[in-house]
Amino acid sequence: MIDLKSIDDLARKLSEMVPPDLKNARSDLQQHFRATLQTGLGKLELVTREEFDVQRAVLLRTREKLDLLERVVAVLESRVDALTGRNH
């Protein structure tokens, strides 16, 4: 979900760039800019910062668990090797 205030701010800034002789059309242009920005940004399938941070935390926890499991497997493999006399 895109922050609508940011889109409104950007649309307002774009409409302020409209030449003075088109001042009467500024409001309409601002609405069109806003709609176009919302549509375009919506197609990008962006996530909010909060969603990104949640997924980042999940990934970090998963990586920690994977690292732990890799260490456990390495210990178990070394025990198996010691018991069987094999070398990996």
C-alpha atoms as a PDB file:
ATOM      1  CA  MET A   1       0.000   0.000   0.000  1.00  0.00           C
ATOM      2  CA  ILE A   2       1.405   3.349  -1.044  1.00  0.00           C
ATOM      3  CA  ASP A   3       1.212   6.347   1.288  1.00  0.00           C
ATOM      4  CA  LEU A   4      -1.548   8.527  -0.163  1.00  0.00           C
ATOM      5  CA  LYS A   5      -0.129  11.662   1.480  1.00  0.00           C
ATOM      6  CA  SER A   6       3.109  11.201  -0.457  1.00  0.00           C
ATOM      7  CA  ILE A   7       1.169  10.773  -3.695  1.00  0.00           C
ATOM      8  CA  ASP A   8      -0.883  13.883  -2.923  1.00  0.00           C
ATOM      9  CA  ASP A   9       2.298  15.848  -2.196  1.00  0.00           C
ATOM     10  CA  LEU A  10       3.905  14.726  -5.436  1.00  0.00           C
ATOM     11  CA  ALA A  11       0.752  15.485  -7.444  1.00  0.00           C
ATOM     12  CA  ARG A  12       0.607  18.949  -5.859  1.00  0.00           C
ATOM     13  CA  LYS A  13       4.269  19.598  -6.695  1.00  0.00           C
ATOM     14  CA  LEU A  14       3.695  18.490 -10.285  1.00  0.00           C
ATOM     15  CA  SER A  15       0.663  20.745 -10.616  1.00  0.00           C
ATOM     16  CA  GLU A  16       2.694  23.678  -9.244  1.00  0.00           C
ATOM     17  CA  MET A  17       5.057  23.201 -12.180  1.00  0.00           C
ATOM     18  CA  VAL A  18       2.217  23.913 -14.608  1.00  0.00           C
ATOM     19  CA  PRO A  19       2.791  27.193 -16.485  1.00  0.00           C
ATOM     20  CA  PRO A  20       0.893  30.193 -15.077  1.00  0.00           C
ATOM     21  CA  ASP A  21      -1.302  30.543 -18.172  1.00  0.00           C
ATOM     22  CA  LEU A  22      -2.778  27.101 -17.380  1.00  0.00           C
ATOM     23  CA  LYS A  23      -3.507  28.003 -13.761  1.00  0.00           C
ATOM     24  CA  ASN A  24      -7.233  27.310 -14.205  1.00  0.00           C
ATOM     25  CA  ALA A  25      -6.437  23.737 -15.216  1.00  0.00           C
ATOM     26  CA  ARG A  26      -4.109  23.179 -12.246  1.00  0.00           C
ATOM     27  CA  SER A  27      -6.740  21.510 -10.041  1.00  0.00           C
ATOM     28  CA  ASP A  28      -7.799  19.109 -12.796  1.00  0.00           C
ATOM     29  CA  LEU A  29      -4.193  18.347 -13.620  1.00  0.00           C
ATOM     30  CA  GLN A  30      -3.433  17.670  -9.957  1.00  0.00           C
ATOM     31  CA  GLN A  31      -6.286  15.148  -9.820  1.00  0.00           C
ATOM     32  CA  HIS A  32      -5.041  13.482 -13.009  1.00  0.00           C
ATOM     33  CA  PHE A  33      -1.468  13.419 -11.708  1.00  0.00           C
ATOM     34  CA  ARG A  34      -2.687  11.801  -8.471  1.00  0.00           C
ATOM     35  CA  ALA A  35      -4.717   9.147 -10.323  1.00  0.00           C
ATOM     36  CA  THR A  36      -1.867   8.411 -12.708  1.00  0.00           C
ATOM     37  CA  LEU A  37       0.649   8.113  -9.873  1.00  0.00           C
ATOM     38  CA  GLN A  38      -1.641   5.801  -7.882  1.00  0.00           C
ATOM     39  CA  THR A  39      -2.219   3.583 -10.908  1.00  0.00           C
ATOM     40  CA  GLY A  40       1.438   3.478 -11.894  1.00  0.00           C
ATOM     41  CA  LEU A  41       2.735   2.841  -8.398  1.00  0.00           C
ATOM     42  CA  GLY A  42       0.017   0.242  -7.797  1.00  0.00           C
ATOM     43  CA  LYS A  43       1.300  -1.762 -10.758  1.00  0.00           C
ATOM     44  CA  LEU A  44       4.741  -1.925  -9.162  1.00  0.00           C
ATOM     45  CA  GLU A  45       3.369  -4.108  -6.348  1.00  0.00           C
ATOM     46  CA  LEU A  46       5.391  -2.245  -3.745  1.00  0.00           C
ATOM     47  CA  VAL A  47       5.156  -3.091  -0.055  1.00  0.00           C
ATOM     48  CA  THR A  48       5.102  -0.762   2.896  1.00  0.00           C
ATOM     49  CA  ARG A  49       8.169  -0.283   5.074  1.00  0.00           C
ATOM     50  CA  GLU A  50       6.385  -2.147   7.875  1.00  0.00           C
ATOM     51  CA  GLU A  51       5.732  -5.167   5.628  1.00  0.00           C
ATOM     52  CA  PHE A  52       9.346  -5.093   4.488  1.00  0.00           C
ATOM     53  CA  ASP A  53      10.619  -4.951   8.079  1.00  0.00           C
ATOM     54  CA  VAL A  54       8.407  -7.879   9.110  1.00  0.00           C
ATOM     55  CA  GLN A  55       9.676 -10.005   6.218  1.00  0.00           C
ATOM     56  CA  ARG A  56      13.260  -8.983   6.986  1.00  0.00           C
ATOM     57  CA  ALA A  57      12.827 -10.100  10.610  1.00  0.00           C
ATOM     58  CA  VAL A  58      11.366 -13.425   9.456  1.00  0.00           C
ATOM     59  CA  LEU A  59      14.305 -13.907   7.081  1.00  0.00           C
ATOM     60  CA  LEU A  60      16.826 -13.140   9.827  1.00  0.00           C
ATOM     61  CA  ARG A  61      15.193 -15.640  12.202  1.00  0.00           C
ATOM     62  CA  THR A  62      15.131 -18.240   9.430  1.00  0.00           C
ATOM     63  CA  ARG A  63      18.813 -17.630   8.683  1.00  0.00           C
ATOM     64  CA  GLU A  64      19.674 -18.018  12.381  1.00  0.00           C
ATOM     65  CA  LYS A  65      17.783 -21.321  12.524  1.00  0.00           C
ATOM     66  CA  LEU A  66      19.489 -22.497   9.334  1.00  0.00           C
ATOM     67  CA  ASP A  67      22.917 -21.621  10.729  1.00  0.00           C
ATOM     68  CA  LEU A  68      22.117 -23.555  13.912  1.00  0.00           C
ATOM     69  CA  LEU A  69      20.901 -26.564  11.942  1.00  0.00           C
ATOM     70  CA  GLU A  70      24.043 -26.505   9.780  1.00  0.00           C
ATOM     71  CA  ARG A  71      26.198 -26.552  12.921  1.00  0.00           C
ATOM     72  CA  VAL A  72      24.161 -29.422  14.390  1.00  0.00           C
ATOM     73  CA  VAL A  73      24.470 -31.414  11.154  1.00  0.00           C
ATOM     74  CA  ALA A  74      28.225 -30.780  11.071  1.00  0.00           C
ATOM     75  CA  VAL A  75      28.559 -32.088  14.653  1.00  0.00           C
ATOM     76  CA  LEU A  76      26.436 -35.146  13.867  1.00  0.00           C
ATOM     77  CA  GLU A  77      28.423 -35.847  10.695  1.00  0.00           C
ATOM     78  CA  SER A  78      31.685 -35.642  12.613  1.00  0.00           C
ATOM     79  CA  ARG A  79      30.318 -38.076  15.215  1.00  0.00           C
ATOM     80  CA  VAL A  80      29.209 -40.483  12.486  1.00  0.00           C
ATOM     81  CA  ASP A  81      32.624 -40.151  10.829  1.00  0.00           C
ATOM     82  CA  ALA A  82      34.353 -40.818  14.154  1.00  0.00           C
ATOM     83  CA  LEU A  83      32.222 -43.898  14.775  1.00  0.00           C
ATOM     84  CA  THR A  84      32.577 -45.319  11.270  1.00  0.00           C
ATOM     85  CA  GLY A  85      36.125 -44.170  10.593  1.00  0.00           C
ATOM     86  CA  ARG A  86      35.029 -42.241   7.519  1.00  0.00           C
ATOM     87  CA  ASN A  87      36.256 -38.871   6.359  1.00  0.00           C
ATOM     88  CA  HIS A  88      34.025 -36.371   4.491  1.00  0.00           C
END
